[in-house]
Amino acid sequence: MEWAHLLPDGPLPRLGPKPAPNPQPTGGAGPALPVTVSCPPPADAYDAVDEQFIKDYWGDAQRVAAATGLPAGFILAWASVESYNRASNALGLAATENNNFFGLTYSNANQQNLWANEVVCPDGSYKGRPGTGGHACFDANDAFFVSGMAALNKKYLSAALGAIEGGNTSYANIGQAIANAGFNGSPTYGAAIQSRWARLRQLMSCAP
């Protein structure tokens, strides 16, 4: 996919150490999730990937949520949409090689500093797009949080918060507002995030 970019205005906030495990999310809409004590055995390979994603990154999603005011479930689902490679049934190379969990890209090799706290991609990094552009790279340390905060620069965060303030708090509406602000050209981008959350929320007993 082609992505639009915006040079962030100044550095984005960094938080301290990861917090201790937190309660389950409500997802911004619908009834609260039940608090359970065990992670169900994965029904298939897709469940296994999703369960591990929740275990690894739910805490980070909560930290991004605390820093931005967006629902943690939305953050987790958005990152899952941008990180998951269904063809290989695993995290995609942008996440595993570039430490980029939100699909952030640049147009040419001279633009590897469009996103806050982005680093110049080393040789052999995942490009994922033709020409001189590619997927942005981030340091492996705290990569989910850092790339998530970079994705939510003022333009996209403002769009997301505006959607919530408008009264429609569905994840589809929040995601589509971000897409319409220039992040993605698909008219169903928000629906994909909502669909991903519908799957993940069934497995949230896996959250640490």
Protein backbone atom coordinates (compact mmCIF):
# COMPACT_ATOMS: atom_id res chain seq x y z
CA MET A 1 0.00 0.00 0.00
CA GLU A 2 1.00 3.60 -0.51
CA TRP A 3 1.07 5.77 2.59
CA ALA A 4 1.08 9.53 3.07
CA HIS A 5 3.44 11.09 5.59
CA LEU A 6 3.73 14.18 7.69
CA LEU A 7 6.85 15.51 9.32
CA PRO A 8 6.00 15.58 13.05
CA ASP A 9 6.31 18.91 14.86
CA GLY A 10 8.98 18.19 17.43
CA PRO A 11 9.65 15.04 19.45
CA LEU A 12 6.80 12.98 20.78
CA PRO A 13 6.62 12.15 24.48
CA ARG A 14 8.43 9.13 25.84
CA LEU A 15 7.16 7.33 28.89
CA GLY A 16 9.07 5.49 31.54
CA PRO A 17 9.34 1.76 32.16
CA LYS A 18 6.52 -0.48 31.12
CA PRO A 19 3.78 -0.62 33.75
CA ALA A 20 2.67 -3.66 35.65
CA PRO A 21 -0.14 -5.73 34.10
CA ASN A 22 -3.42 -3.86 33.90
CA PRO A 23 -7.13 -4.77 33.77
CA GLN A 24 -8.75 -5.90 30.54
CA PRO A 25 -10.05 -3.28 28.07
CA THR A 26 -13.65 -2.56 27.16
CA GLY A 27 -12.74 -1.79 23.55
CA GLY A 28 -14.37 1.62 23.53
CA ALA A 29 -17.79 0.15 22.72
CA GLY A 30 -19.97 -2.65 23.99
CA PRO A 31 -19.81 -4.50 27.31
CA ALA A 32 -16.62 -4.86 29.29
CA LEU A 33 -14.57 -7.95 28.58
CA PRO A 34 -14.72 -10.69 31.18
CA VAL A 35 -11.63 -11.01 33.33
CA THR A 36 -10.35 -14.54 33.02
CA VAL A 37 -7.28 -16.22 34.39
CA SER A 38 -6.12 -18.45 31.56
CA CYS A 39 -5.29 -18.20 27.90
CA PRO A 40 -7.31 -20.68 25.81
CA PRO A 41 -5.42 -23.16 23.65
CA PRO A 42 -5.16 -21.73 20.13
CA ALA A 43 -7.77 -23.14 17.81
CA ASP A 44 -5.51 -22.73 14.80
CA ALA A 45 -2.26 -21.11 13.67
CA TYR A 46 -3.94 -17.72 13.35
CA ASP A 47 -5.06 -17.86 16.97
CA ALA A 48 -1.54 -18.74 18.03
CA VAL A 49 -0.12 -15.65 16.34
CA ASP A 50 -2.84 -13.42 17.78
CA GLU A 51 -2.45 -14.79 21.29
CA GLN A 52 1.30 -14.19 21.22
CA PHE A 53 0.74 -10.68 19.87
CA ILE A 54 -1.57 -9.91 22.79
CA LYS A 55 0.90 -11.34 25.31
CA ASP A 56 3.79 -9.36 23.86
CA TYR A 57 2.19 -6.00 23.11
CA TRP A 58 -0.96 -5.40 25.12
CA GLY A 59 1.03 -3.55 27.77
CA ASP A 60 2.64 -1.35 25.11
CA ALA A 61 -0.75 -0.62 23.55
CA GLN A 62 -1.96 0.57 26.95
CA ARG A 63 1.02 2.90 27.21
CA VAL A 64 0.30 4.44 23.79
CA ALA A 65 -3.32 4.80 24.84
CA ALA A 66 -2.34 6.57 28.06
CA ALA A 67 -0.14 8.99 26.12
CA THR A 68 -2.70 9.80 23.41
CA GLY A 69 -6.18 9.34 24.86
CA LEU A 70 -7.14 6.67 22.31
CA PRO A 71 -8.55 3.28 23.34
CA ALA A 72 -5.90 0.65 24.00
CA GLY A 73 -7.92 -1.94 22.10
CA PHE A 74 -7.89 0.28 19.04
CA ILE A 75 -4.11 0.69 19.27
CA LEU A 76 -3.59 -3.06 19.53
CA ALA A 77 -5.94 -3.82 16.64
CA TRP A 78 -4.41 -1.11 14.43
CA ALA A 79 -0.90 -2.44 15.05
CA SER A 80 -2.12 -5.97 14.36
CA VAL A 81 -3.56 -4.92 10.99
CA GLU A 82 -0.26 -3.29 10.05
CA SER A 83 2.00 -5.99 11.48
CA TYR A 84 0.34 -9.26 10.51
CA ASN A 85 1.27 -11.09 7.31
CA ARG A 86 -1.50 -13.57 6.61
CA ALA A 87 0.40 -15.16 3.72
CA SER A 88 3.12 -16.35 6.09
CA ASN A 89 0.85 -16.48 9.15
CA ALA A 90 3.31 -14.49 11.22
CA LEU A 91 4.35 -10.95 11.96
CA GLY A 92 5.43 -9.19 8.79
CA LEU A 93 8.98 -8.15 8.01
CA ALA A 94 8.32 -4.48 8.73
CA ALA A 95 7.72 -5.44 12.37
CA THR A 96 10.33 -8.17 12.72
CA GLU A 97 13.18 -6.56 10.75
CA ASN A 98 12.44 -2.81 10.93
CA ASN A 99 10.78 -2.70 14.36
CA ASN A 100 7.89 -0.87 12.68
CA PHE A 101 4.48 -1.96 13.96
CA PHE A 102 2.29 0.65 12.26
CA GLY A 103 3.15 0.45 8.56
CA LEU A 104 5.08 3.73 8.45
CA THR A 105 6.87 4.32 5.16
CA TYR A 106 9.00 6.88 3.35
CA SER A 107 9.08 7.83 -0.33
CA ASN A 108 12.81 7.85 -1.02
CA ALA A 109 16.09 7.14 0.70
CA ASN A 110 16.55 10.81 1.60
CA GLN A 111 13.36 10.80 3.67
CA GLN A 112 14.33 8.33 6.35
CA ASN A 113 13.60 10.88 9.05
CA LEU A 114 9.92 11.62 8.47
CA TRP A 115 8.74 10.00 11.67
CA ALA A 116 9.66 10.88 15.24
CA ASN A 117 12.51 8.71 16.60
CA GLU A 118 12.93 6.95 13.24
CA VAL A 119 16.43 5.64 12.51
CA VAL A 120 18.18 5.21 9.17
CA CYS A 121 17.48 1.70 7.97
CA PRO A 122 20.55 -0.53 7.83
CA ASP A 123 21.41 -2.47 4.73
CA GLY A 124 19.16 -5.46 4.24
CA SER A 125 16.14 -3.91 5.97
CA TYR A 126 12.68 -4.63 4.67
CA LYS A 127 11.52 -2.21 1.96
CA GLY A 128 8.11 -3.52 0.98
CA ARG A 129 7.53 -0.98 -1.77
CA PRO A 130 9.06 -0.31 -5.20
CA GLY A 131 11.60 2.36 -6.04
CA THR A 132 13.75 4.16 -3.54
CA GLY A 133 11.19 4.25 -0.74
CA GLY A 134 10.56 1.70 1.94
CA HIS A 135 9.27 0.98 5.41
CA ALA A 136 10.66 3.15 8.17
CA CYS A 137 12.97 1.66 10.79
CA PHE A 138 13.01 2.10 14.54
CA ASP A 139 15.35 1.00 17.27
CA ALA A 140 14.50 -2.41 18.70
CA ASN A 141 14.25 -0.95 22.20
CA ASP A 142 10.57 -0.24 22.97
CA ALA A 143 9.73 -0.45 19.25
CA PHE A 144 5.96 -0.89 19.55
CA PHE A 145 5.55 2.19 21.73
CA VAL A 146 7.99 4.33 19.73
CA SER A 147 6.54 3.46 16.31
CA GLY A 148 3.00 3.86 17.67
CA MET A 149 3.75 7.34 18.98
CA ALA A 150 5.39 8.20 15.66
CA ALA A 151 2.28 7.09 13.79
CA LEU A 152 0.14 9.31 15.98
CA ASN A 153 1.74 12.58 15.04
CA LYS A 154 -0.41 15.67 15.42
CA LYS A 155 -2.24 15.17 12.12
CA TYR A 156 -3.37 11.61 12.69
CA LEU A 157 -3.94 11.91 16.42
CA SER A 158 -6.08 14.99 15.86
CA ALA A 159 -8.15 13.12 13.29
CA ALA A 160 -8.67 10.18 15.65
CA LEU A 161 -9.60 12.35 18.63
CA GLY A 162 -11.92 14.39 16.42
CA ALA A 163 -13.76 11.22 15.43
CA ILE A 164 -14.25 10.32 19.09
CA GLU A 165 -15.36 13.82 20.00
CA GLY A 166 -17.91 13.61 17.20
CA GLY A 167 -19.70 10.90 19.18
CA ASN A 168 -18.89 7.80 17.12
CA THR A 169 -16.39 5.86 19.17
CA SER A 170 -16.35 2.70 17.04
CA TYR A 171 -12.90 1.51 16.06
CA ALA A 172 -14.02 1.56 12.43
CA ASN A 173 -14.79 5.27 12.68
CA ILE A 174 -11.53 6.11 14.48
CA GLY A 175 -9.46 4.12 11.99
CA GLN A 176 -11.20 5.57 8.97
CA ALA A 177 -10.65 9.09 10.30
CA ILE A 178 -6.92 8.36 10.42
CA ALA A 179 -7.04 6.90 6.90
CA ASN A 180 -8.97 9.87 5.54
CA ALA A 181 -6.42 12.25 7.05
CA GLY A 182 -3.91 10.81 4.58
CA PHE A 183 -2.63 7.66 6.24
CA ASN A 184 -4.30 5.21 3.86
CA GLY A 185 -6.43 5.51 0.75
CA SER A 186 -8.72 2.56 1.41
CA PRO A 187 -12.37 3.35 2.19
CA THR A 188 -12.51 0.18 4.30
CA TYR A 189 -9.35 0.76 6.37
CA GLY A 190 -11.32 1.48 9.53
CA ALA A 191 -13.52 -1.57 8.98
CA ALA A 192 -10.39 -3.74 8.81
CA ILE A 193 -9.29 -2.45 12.21
CA GLN A 194 -12.75 -3.06 13.67
CA SER A 195 -12.73 -6.59 12.26
CA ARG A 196 -9.27 -7.25 13.69
CA TRP A 197 -10.41 -6.11 17.14
CA ALA A 198 -13.46 -8.38 16.95
CA ARG A 199 -11.04 -11.27 16.59
CA LEU A 200 -8.51 -10.12 19.18
CA ARG A 201 -11.05 -9.29 21.89
CA GLN A 202 -12.11 -12.95 21.98
CA LEU A 203 -8.56 -13.83 23.01
CA MET A 204 -7.94 -11.06 25.53
CA SER A 205 -7.75 -13.50 28.41
CA CYS A 206 -4.22 -13.94 27.05
CA ALA A 207 -3.36 -10.40 28.15
CA PRO A 208 -0.69 -10.35 30.86
